[in-house]
Amino acid sequence: MKEDIDIMKRWLAFREEEIATMNEEDRKYLVHFDERFDNVLKCVPENSHTQVKKELDNMYDAFMDYSTHWNEKHYLAGFGDALKMVIGVFSEK
């Protein structure tokens, strides 16, 4: 099983550039973090901007780590399922 995960991770790295390419459909789901962070900072007293910006940046980093983890996990699971189906079809013949 470890070998399967390693192969799938290498495949994910190989496909990373294509997966990261955005089209018009993808752009509809952009979060626009910078714009949202600026809007939050407008609601905060000037003397708190540095601390709030630091927390927003930490939140962004945590969100990106979270998204990366779950995207990779689900992509690998889906790829693994597809691989098992293909192997199953060829095993039956």
PDB file of N, CA and C in Angstrom:
ATOM      1  N   MET A   1       0.825  -1.203   0.000  1.00  0.00           N
ATOM      2  CA  MET A   1       0.000   0.000   0.000  1.00  0.00           C
ATOM      3  C   MET A   1       0.869   1.267   0.000  1.00  0.00           C
ATOM      4  N   LYS A   2       1.973   1.237   0.734  1.00  0.00           N
ATOM      5  CA  LYS A   2       2.881   2.386   0.783  1.00  0.00           C
ATOM      6  C   LYS A   2       3.407   2.711  -0.612  1.00  0.00           C
ATOM      7  N   GLU A   3       3.726   1.669  -1.386  1.00  0.00           N
ATOM      8  CA  GLU A   3       4.215   1.876  -2.752  1.00  0.00           C
ATOM      9  C   GLU A   3       3.148   2.547  -3.616  1.00  0.00           C
ATOM     10  N   ASP A   4       1.874   2.141  -3.432  1.00  0.00           N
ATOM     11  CA  ASP A   4       0.775   2.748  -4.189  1.00  0.00           C
ATOM     12  C   ASP A   4       0.671   4.231  -3.893  1.00  0.00           C
ATOM     13  N   ILE A   5       0.786   4.592  -2.604  1.00  0.00           N
ATOM     14  CA  ILE A   5       0.708   6.002  -2.200  1.00  0.00           C
ATOM     15  C   ILE A   5       1.870   6.776  -2.806  1.00  0.00           C
ATOM     16  N   ASP A   6       3.076   6.196  -2.779  1.00  0.00           N
ATOM     17  CA  ASP A   6       4.244   6.874  -3.360  1.00  0.00           C
ATOM     18  C   ASP A   6       4.063   7.110  -4.857  1.00  0.00           C
ATOM     19  N   ILE A   7       3.544   6.106  -5.555  1.00  0.00           N
ATOM     20  CA  ILE A   7       3.302   6.252  -6.997  1.00  0.00           C
ATOM     21  C   ILE A   7       2.272   7.350  -7.239  1.00  0.00           C
ATOM     22  N   MET A   8       1.199   7.350  -6.442  1.00  0.00           N
ATOM     23  CA  MET A   8       0.154   8.355  -6.621  1.00  0.00           C
ATOM     24  C   MET A   8       0.669   9.750  -6.295  1.00  0.00           C
ATOM     25  N   LYS A   9       1.519   9.873  -5.284  1.00  0.00           N
ATOM     26  CA  LYS A   9       2.085  11.195  -4.958  1.00  0.00           C
ATOM     27  C   LYS A   9       3.010  11.685  -6.073  1.00  0.00           C
ATOM     28  N   ARG A  10       3.774  10.783  -6.670  1.00  0.00           N
ATOM     29  CA  ARG A  10       4.624  11.178  -7.800  1.00  0.00           C
ATOM     30  C   ARG A  10       3.761  11.615  -8.978  1.00  0.00           C
ATOM     31  N   TRP A  11       2.650  10.918  -9.215  1.00  0.00           N
ATOM     32  CA  TRP A  11       1.739  11.283 -10.302  1.00  0.00           C
ATOM     33  C   TRP A  11       1.120  12.647 -10.027  1.00  0.00           C
ATOM     34  N   LEU A  12       0.724  12.894  -8.780  1.00  0.00           N
ATOM     35  CA  LEU A  12       0.146  14.185  -8.407  1.00  0.00           C
ATOM     36  C   LEU A  12       1.156  15.306  -8.659  1.00  0.00           C
ATOM     37  N   ALA A  13       2.403  15.092  -8.290  1.00  0.00           N
ATOM     38  CA  ALA A  13       3.445  16.097  -8.536  1.00  0.00           C
ATOM     39  C   ALA A  13       3.633  16.306 -10.034  1.00  0.00           C
ATOM     40  N   PHE A  14       3.577  15.231 -10.807  1.00  0.00           N
ATOM     41  CA  PHE A  14       3.713  15.305 -12.260  1.00  0.00           C
ATOM     42  C   PHE A  14       2.591  16.131 -12.869  1.00  0.00           C
ATOM     43  N   ARG A  15       1.371  16.013 -12.340  1.00  0.00           N
ATOM     44  CA  ARG A  15       0.185  16.692 -12.883  1.00  0.00           C
ATOM     45  C   ARG A  15      -0.064  18.068 -12.250  1.00  0.00           C
ATOM     46  N   GLU A  16       0.750  18.452 -11.295  1.00  0.00           N
ATOM     47  CA  GLU A  16       0.504  19.666 -10.516  1.00  0.00           C
ATOM     48  C   GLU A  16       0.292  20.907 -11.380  1.00  0.00           C
ATOM     49  N   GLU A  17       1.112  21.103 -12.386  1.00  0.00           N
ATOM     50  CA  GLU A  17       0.997  22.303 -13.217  1.00  0.00           C
ATOM     51  C   GLU A  17      -0.344  22.339 -13.950  1.00  0.00           C
ATOM     52  N   GLU A  18      -0.749  21.201 -14.518  1.00  0.00           N
ATOM     53  CA  GLU A  18      -2.026  21.150 -15.226  1.00  0.00           C
ATOM     54  C   GLU A  18      -3.202  21.344 -14.265  1.00  0.00           C
ATOM     55  N   ILE A  19      -3.123  20.741 -13.098  1.00  0.00           N
ATOM     56  CA  ILE A  19      -4.194  20.863 -12.105  1.00  0.00           C
ATOM     57  C   ILE A  19      -4.306  22.308 -11.628  1.00  0.00           C
ATOM     58  N   ALA A  20      -3.182  22.992 -11.509  1.00  0.00           N
ATOM     59  CA  ALA A  20      -3.174  24.365 -10.996  1.00  0.00           C
ATOM     60  C   ALA A  20      -3.618  25.394 -12.029  1.00  0.00           C
ATOM     61  N   THR A  21      -3.728  25.013 -13.297  1.00  0.00           N
ATOM     62  CA  THR A  21      -4.146  25.941 -14.339  1.00  0.00           C
ATOM     63  C   THR A  21      -5.611  26.300 -14.154  1.00  0.00           C
ATOM     64  N   MET A  22      -5.921  27.598 -14.183  1.00  0.00           N
ATOM     65  CA  MET A  22      -7.289  28.058 -13.951  1.00  0.00           C
ATOM     66  C   MET A  22      -8.004  28.376 -15.247  1.00  0.00           C
ATOM     67  N   ASN A  23      -9.286  28.045 -15.266  1.00  0.00           N
ATOM     68  CA  ASN A  23     -10.129  28.434 -16.391  1.00  0.00           C
ATOM     69  C   ASN A  23     -11.219  29.380 -15.868  1.00  0.00           C
ATOM     70  N   GLU A  24     -12.123  29.781 -16.734  1.00  0.00           N
ATOM     71  CA  GLU A  24     -13.173  30.738 -16.330  1.00  0.00           C
ATOM     72  C   GLU A  24     -14.054  30.179 -15.213  1.00  0.00           C
ATOM     73  N   GLU A  25     -14.385  28.905 -15.295  1.00  0.00           N
ATOM     74  CA  GLU A  25     -15.200  28.271 -14.241  1.00  0.00           C
ATOM     75  C   GLU A  25     -14.486  28.348 -12.895  1.00  0.00           C
ATOM     76  N   ASP A  26     -13.182  28.063 -12.878  1.00  0.00           N
ATOM     77  CA  ASP A  26     -12.395  28.119 -11.651  1.00  0.00           C
ATOM     78  C   ASP A  26     -12.376  29.529 -11.059  1.00  0.00           C
ATOM     79  N   ARG A  27     -12.281  30.528 -11.923  1.00  0.00           N
ATOM     80  CA  ARG A  27     -12.186  31.917 -11.464  1.00  0.00           C
ATOM     81  C   ARG A  27     -13.443  32.370 -10.714  1.00  0.00           C
ATOM     82  N   LYS A  28     -14.583  31.738 -11.003  1.00  0.00           N
ATOM     83  CA  LYS A  28     -15.820  32.104 -10.300  1.00  0.00           C
ATOM     84  C   LYS A  28     -15.738  31.783  -8.809  1.00  0.00           C
ATOM     85  N   TYR A  29     -14.819  30.902  -8.446  1.00  0.00           N
ATOM     86  CA  TYR A  29     -14.723  30.449  -7.056  1.00  0.00           C
ATOM     87  C   TYR A  29     -13.522  31.034  -6.309  1.00  0.00           C
ATOM     88  N   LEU A  30     -12.869  32.018  -6.893  1.00  0.00           N
ATOM     89  CA  LEU A  30     -11.753  32.670  -6.207  1.00  0.00           C
ATOM     90  C   LEU A  30     -12.250  33.351  -4.932  1.00  0.00           C
ATOM     91  N   VAL A  31     -11.450  33.313  -3.887  1.00  0.00           N
ATOM     92  CA  VAL A  31     -11.842  33.876  -2.599  1.00  0.00           C
ATOM     93  C   VAL A  31     -11.461  35.347  -2.473  1.00  0.00           C
ATOM     94  N   HIS A  32     -10.450  35.801  -3.202  1.00  0.00           N
ATOM     95  CA  HIS A  32      -9.972  37.187  -3.140  1.00  0.00           C
ATOM     96  C   HIS A  32      -9.583  37.563  -1.704  1.00  0.00           C
ATOM     97  N   PHE A  33      -8.644  36.811  -1.152  1.00  0.00           N
ATOM     98  CA  PHE A  33      -8.220  37.016   0.224  1.00  0.00           C
ATOM     99  C   PHE A  33      -7.764  38.448   0.495  1.00  0.00           C
ATOM    100  N   ASP A  34      -6.952  39.018  -0.390  1.00  0.00           N
ATOM    101  CA  ASP A  34      -6.422  40.364  -0.152  1.00  0.00           C
ATOM    102  C   ASP A  34      -7.553  41.384   0.004  1.00  0.00           C
ATOM    103  N   GLU A  35      -8.522  41.308  -0.865  1.00  0.00           N
ATOM    104  CA  GLU A  35      -9.668  42.228  -0.796  1.00  0.00           C
ATOM    105  C   GLU A  35     -10.445  42.031   0.511  1.00  0.00           C
ATOM    106  N   ARG A  36     -10.661  40.794   0.880  1.00  0.00           N
ATOM    107  CA  ARG A  36     -11.389  40.513   2.125  1.00  0.00           C
ATOM    108  C   ARG A  36     -10.596  40.969   3.343  1.00  0.00           C
ATOM    109  N   PHE A  37      -9.290  40.741   3.320  1.00  0.00           N
ATOM    110  CA  PHE A  37      -8.459  41.183   4.443  1.00  0.00           C
ATOM    111  C   PHE A  37      -8.477  42.703   4.566  1.00  0.00           C
ATOM    112  N   ASP A  38      -8.422  43.396   3.430  1.00  0.00           N
ATOM    113  CA  ASP A  38      -8.498  44.858   3.458  1.00  0.00           C
ATOM    114  C   ASP A  38      -9.826  45.316   4.058  1.00  0.00           C
ATOM    115  N   ASN A  39     -10.909  44.630   3.710  1.00  0.00           N
ATOM    116  CA  ASN A  39     -12.222  44.974   4.268  1.00  0.00           C
ATOM    117  C   ASN A  39     -12.266  44.756   5.782  1.00  0.00           C
ATOM    118  N   VAL A  40     -11.637  43.697   6.244  1.00  0.00           N
ATOM    119  CA  VAL A  40     -11.575  43.458   7.692  1.00  0.00           C
ATOM    120  C   VAL A  40     -10.772  44.565   8.369  1.00  0.00           C
ATOM    121  N   LEU A  41      -9.640  44.923   7.786  1.00  0.00           N
ATOM    122  CA  LEU A  41      -8.787  45.951   8.387  1.00  0.00           C
ATOM    123  C   LEU A  41      -9.488  47.303   8.451  1.00  0.00           C
ATOM    124  N   LYS A  42     -10.401  47.572   7.529  1.00  0.00           N
ATOM    125  CA  LYS A  42     -11.165  48.825   7.570  1.00  0.00           C
ATOM    126  C   LYS A  42     -12.077  48.887   8.795  1.00  0.00           C
ATOM    127  N   CYS A  43     -12.404  47.740   9.351  1.00  0.00           N
ATOM    128  CA  CYS A  43     -13.304  47.670  10.511  1.00  0.00           C
ATOM    129  C   CYS A  43     -12.552  47.669  11.837  1.00  0.00           C
ATOM    130  N   VAL A  44     -11.230  47.716  11.756  1.00  0.00           N
ATOM    131  CA  VAL A  44     -10.398  47.594  12.952  1.00  0.00           C
ATOM    132  C   VAL A  44      -9.704  48.930  13.216  1.00  0.00           C
ATOM    133  N   PRO A  45      -9.592  49.322  14.492  1.00  0.00           N
ATOM    134  CA  PRO A  45      -8.864  50.560  14.801  1.00  0.00           C
ATOM    135  C   PRO A  45      -7.437  50.520  14.230  1.00  0.00           C
ATOM    136  N   GLU A  46      -6.971  51.654  13.785  1.00  0.00           N
ATOM    137  CA  GLU A  46      -5.650  51.777  13.138  1.00  0.00           C
ATOM    138  C   GLU A  46      -4.527  51.157  13.967  1.00  0.00           C
ATOM    139  N   ASN A  47      -4.587  51.355  15.285  1.00  0.00           N
ATOM    140  CA  ASN A  47      -3.499  50.852  16.132  1.00  0.00           C
ATOM    141  C   ASN A  47      -3.505  49.322  16.262  1.00  0.00           C
ATOM    142  N   SER A  48      -4.513  48.646  15.761  1.00  0.00           N
ATOM    143  CA  SER A  48      -4.589  47.179  15.820  1.00  0.00           C
ATOM    144  C   SER A  48      -4.293  46.518  14.472  1.00  0.00           C
ATOM    145  N   HIS A  49      -4.048  47.321  13.443  1.00  0.00           N
ATOM    146  CA  HIS A  49      -3.852  46.771  12.098  1.00  0.00           C
ATOM    147  C   HIS A  49      -2.734  45.738  12.027  1.00  0.00           C
ATOM    148  N   THR A  50      -1.606  46.001  12.655  1.00  0.00           N
ATOM    149  CA  THR A  50      -0.462  45.094  12.569  1.00  0.00           C
ATOM    150  C   THR A  50      -0.814  43.726  13.146  1.00  0.00           C
ATOM    151  N   GLN A  51      -1.409  43.708  14.330  1.00  0.00           N
ATOM    152  CA  GLN A  51      -1.759  42.436  14.968  1.00  0.00           C
ATOM    153  C   GLN A  51      -2.854  41.697  14.188  1.00  0.00           C
ATOM    154  N   VAL A  52      -3.870  42.427  13.741  1.00  0.00           N
ATOM    155  CA  VAL A  52      -4.960  41.797  12.999  1.00  0.00           C
ATOM    156  C   VAL A  52      -4.442  41.263  11.664  1.00  0.00           C
ATOM    157  N   LYS A  53      -3.582  42.013  10.987  1.00  0.00           N
ATOM    158  CA  LYS A  53      -3.002  41.546   9.721  1.00  0.00           C
ATOM    159  C   LYS A  53      -2.195  40.282   9.949  1.00  0.00           C
ATOM    160  N   LYS A  54      -1.445  40.245  11.035  1.00  0.00           N
ATOM    161  CA  LYS A  54      -0.665  39.051  11.355  1.00  0.00           C
ATOM    162  C   LYS A  54      -1.599  37.850  11.552  1.00  0.00           C
ATOM    163  N   GLU A  55      -2.685  38.024  12.253  1.00  0.00           N
ATOM    164  CA  GLU A  55      -3.649  36.937  12.476  1.00  0.00           C
ATOM    165  C   GLU A  55      -4.327  36.522  11.167  1.00  0.00           C
ATOM    166  N   LEU A  56      -4.668  37.491  10.335  1.00  0.00           N
ATOM    167  CA  LEU A  56      -5.263  37.165   9.038  1.00  0.00           C
ATOM    168  C   LEU A  56      -4.284  36.377   8.172  1.00  0.00           C
ATOM    169  N   ASP A  57      -3.020  36.765   8.185  1.00  0.00           N
ATOM    170  CA  ASP A  57      -2.004  36.035   7.426  1.00  0.00           C
ATOM    171  C   ASP A  57      -1.850  34.611   7.956  1.00  0.00           C
ATOM    172  N   ASN A  58      -1.880  34.454   9.292  1.00  0.00           N
ATOM    173  CA  ASN A  58      -1.815  33.116   9.893  1.00  0.00           C
ATOM    174  C   ASN A  58      -3.034  32.281   9.491  1.00  0.00           C
ATOM    175  N   MET A  59      -4.200  32.916   9.464  1.00  0.00           N
ATOM    176  CA  MET A  59      -5.420  32.228   9.066  1.00  0.00           C
ATOM    177  C   MET A  59      -5.315  31.790   7.601  1.00  0.00           C
ATOM    178  N   TYR A  60      -4.803  32.652   6.745  1.00  0.00           N
ATOM    179  CA  TYR A  60      -4.613  32.313   5.330  1.00  0.00           C
ATOM    180  C   TYR A  60      -3.692  31.100   5.190  1.00  0.00           C
ATOM    181  N   ASP A  61      -2.552  31.148   5.886  1.00  0.00           N
ATOM    182  CA  ASP A  61      -1.602  30.029   5.812  1.00  0.00           C
ATOM    183  C   ASP A  61      -2.247  28.728   6.288  1.00  0.00           C
ATOM    184  N   ALA A  62      -2.990  28.793   7.394  1.00  0.00           N
ATOM    185  CA  ALA A  62      -3.659  27.601   7.925  1.00  0.00           C
ATOM    186  C   ALA A  62      -4.700  27.083   6.936  1.00  0.00           C
ATOM    187  N   PHE A  63      -5.448  27.994   6.317  1.00  0.00           N
ATOM    188  CA  PHE A  63      -6.453  27.595   5.344  1.00  0.00           C
ATOM    189  C   PHE A  63      -5.814  26.928   4.132  1.00  0.00           C
ATOM    190  N   MET A  64      -4.712  27.473   3.657  1.00  0.00           N
ATOM    191  CA  MET A  64      -4.031  26.893   2.499  1.00  0.00           C
ATOM    192  C   MET A  64      -3.466  25.510   2.840  1.00  0.00           C
ATOM    193  N   ASP A  65      -2.900  25.356   4.030  1.00  0.00           N
ATOM    194  CA  ASP A  65      -2.412  24.045   4.458  1.00  0.00           C
ATOM    195  C   ASP A  65      -3.564  23.046   4.535  1.00  0.00           C
ATOM    196  N   TYR A  66      -4.674  23.480   5.111  1.00  0.00           N
ATOM    197  CA  TYR A  66      -5.875  22.647   5.233  1.00  0.00           C
ATOM    198  C   TYR A  66      -6.363  22.231   3.843  1.00  0.00           C
ATOM    199  N   SER A  67      -6.486  23.187   2.940  1.00  0.00           N
ATOM    200  CA  SER A  67      -6.971  22.904   1.588  1.00  0.00           C
ATOM    201  C   SER A  67      -6.036  21.954   0.848  1.00  0.00           C
ATOM    202  N   THR A  68      -4.760  22.187   0.959  1.00  0.00           N
ATOM    203  CA  THR A  68      -3.773  21.338   0.298  1.00  0.00           C
ATOM    204  C   THR A  68      -3.879  19.906   0.806  1.00  0.00           C
ATOM    205  N   HIS A  69      -3.958  19.756   2.122  1.00  0.00           N
ATOM    206  CA  HIS A  69      -4.054  18.425   2.721  1.00  0.00           C
ATOM    207  C   HIS A  69      -5.286  17.681   2.209  1.00  0.00           C
ATOM    208  N   TRP A  70      -6.453  18.317   2.291  1.00  0.00           N
ATOM    209  CA  TRP A  70      -7.691  17.631   1.910  1.00  0.00           C
ATOM    210  C   TRP A  70      -7.790  17.421   0.406  1.00  0.00           C
ATOM    211  N   ASN A  71      -7.320  18.369  -0.386  1.00  0.00           N
ATOM    212  CA  ASN A  71      -7.331  18.170  -1.836  1.00  0.00           C
ATOM    213  C   ASN A  71      -6.451  16.991  -2.228  1.00  0.00           C
ATOM    214  N   GLU A  72      -5.262  16.933  -1.649  1.00  0.00           N
ATOM    215  CA  GLU A  72      -4.351  15.835  -1.960  1.00  0.00           C
ATOM    216  C   GLU A  72      -4.952  14.506  -1.497  1.00  0.00           C
ATOM    217  N   LYS A  73      -5.519  14.506  -0.301  1.00  0.00           N
ATOM    218  CA  LYS A  73      -6.099  13.281   0.239  1.00  0.00           C
ATOM    219  C   LYS A  73      -7.228  12.763  -0.661  1.00  0.00           C
ATOM    220  N   HIS A  74      -8.120  13.640  -1.071  1.00  0.00           N
ATOM    221  CA  HIS A  74      -9.248  13.224  -1.912  1.00  0.00           C
ATOM    222  C   HIS A  74      -8.797  12.874  -3.326  1.00  0.00           C
ATOM    223  N   TYR A  75      -7.842  13.607  -3.855  1.00  0.00           N
ATOM    224  CA  TYR A  75      -7.322  13.294  -5.188  1.00  0.00           C
ATOM    225  C   TYR A  75      -6.675  11.913  -5.171  1.00  0.00           C
ATOM    226  N   LEU A  76      -5.858  11.658  -4.155  1.00  0.00           N
ATOM    227  CA  LEU A  76      -5.185  10.362  -4.060  1.00  0.00           C
ATOM    228  C   LEU A  76      -6.197   9.239  -3.863  1.00  0.00           C
ATOM    229  N   ALA A  77      -7.226   9.474  -3.064  1.00  0.00           N
ATOM    230  CA  ALA A  77      -8.253   8.454  -2.850  1.00  0.00           C
ATOM    231  C   ALA A  77      -8.981   8.159  -4.157  1.00  0.00           C
ATOM    232  N   GLY A  78      -9.351   9.194  -4.887  1.00  0.00           N
ATOM    233  CA  GLY A  78     -10.037   9.000  -6.163  1.00  0.00           C
ATOM    234  C   GLY A  78      -9.160   8.300  -7.178  1.00  0.00           C
ATOM    235  N   PHE A  79      -7.906   8.683  -7.233  1.00  0.00           N
ATOM    236  CA  PHE A  79      -6.967   8.046  -8.152  1.00  0.00           C
ATOM    237  C   PHE A  79      -6.787   6.583  -7.770  1.00  0.00           C
ATOM    238  N   GLY A  80      -6.684   6.330  -6.469  1.00  0.00           N
ATOM    239  CA  GLY A  80      -6.539   4.955  -5.980  1.00  0.00           C
ATOM    240  C   GLY A  80      -7.751   4.111  -6.333  1.00  0.00           C
ATOM    241  N   ASP A  81      -8.942   4.672  -6.172  1.00  0.00           N
ATOM    242  CA  ASP A  81     -10.168   3.947  -6.524  1.00  0.00           C
ATOM    243  C   ASP A  81     -10.207   3.626  -8.013  1.00  0.00           C
ATOM    244  N   ALA A  82      -9.846   4.599  -8.840  1.00  0.00           N
ATOM    245  CA  ALA A  82      -9.836   4.373 -10.287  1.00  0.00           C
ATOM    246  C   ALA A  82      -8.821   3.297 -10.655  1.00  0.00           C
ATOM    247  N   LEU A  83      -7.665   3.334 -10.018  1.00  0.00           N
ATOM    248  CA  LEU A  83      -6.630   2.341 -10.283  1.00  0.00           C
ATOM    249  C   LEU A  83      -7.117   0.949  -9.905  1.00  0.00           C
ATOM    250  N   LYS A  84      -7.783   0.819  -8.766  1.00  0.00           N
ATOM    251  CA  LYS A  84      -8.324  -0.473  -8.332  1.00  0.00           C
ATOM    252  C   LYS A  84      -9.382  -0.982  -9.305  1.00  0.00           C
ATOM    253  N   MET A  85     -10.207  -0.069  -9.819  1.00  0.00           N
ATOM    254  CA  MET A  85     -11.227  -0.484 -10.790  1.00  0.00           C
ATOM    255  C   MET A  85     -10.576  -1.013 -12.064  1.00  0.00           C
ATOM    256  N   VAL A  86      -9.570  -0.324 -12.556  1.00  0.00           N
ATOM    257  CA  VAL A  86      -8.880  -0.761 -13.775  1.00  0.00           C
ATOM    258  C   VAL A  86      -8.213  -2.107 -13.539  1.00  0.00           C
ATOM    259  N   ILE A  87      -7.539  -2.251 -12.413  1.00  0.00           N
ATOM    260  CA  ILE A  87      -6.877  -3.529 -12.099  1.00  0.00           C
ATOM    261  C   ILE A  87      -7.920  -4.633 -11.974  1.00  0.00           C
ATOM    262  N   GLY A  88      -9.059  -4.305 -11.352  1.00  0.00           N
ATOM    263  CA  GLY A  88     -10.141  -5.284 -11.219  1.00  0.00           C
ATOM    264  C   GLY A  88     -10.678  -5.747 -12.551  1.00  0.00           C
ATOM    265  N   VAL A  89     -10.846  -4.824 -13.484  1.00  0.00           N
ATOM    266  CA  VAL A  89     -11.345  -5.183 -14.819  1.00  0.00           C
ATOM    267  C   VAL A  89     -10.357  -6.103 -15.514  1.00  0.00           C
ATOM    268  N   PHE A  90      -9.076  -5.774 -15.458  1.00  0.00           N
ATOM    269  CA  PHE A  90      -8.086  -6.609 -16.136  1.00  0.00           C
ATOM    270  C   PHE A  90      -7.894  -7.946 -15.423  1.00  0.00           C
ATOM    271  N   SER A  91      -8.110  -8.005 -14.121  1.00  0.00           N
ATOM    272  CA  SER A  91      -7.987  -9.253 -13.371  1.00  0.00           C
ATOM    273  C   SER A  91      -9.088 -10.228 -13.725  1.00  0.00           C
ATOM    274  N   GLU A  92     -10.262  -9.716 -14.098  1.00  0.00           N
ATOM    275  CA  GLU A  92     -11.392 -10.564 -14.423  1.00  0.00           C
ATOM    276  C   GLU A  92     -11.280 -11.189 -15.804  1.00  0.00           C
ATOM    277  N   LYS A  93     -10.454 -10.617 -16.653  1.00  0.00           N
ATOM    278  CA  LYS A  93     -10.330 -11.125 -18.041  1.00  0.00           C
ATOM    279  C   LYS A  93      -9.385 -12.273 -18.141  1.00  0.00           C
TER     280      LYS A  93
END
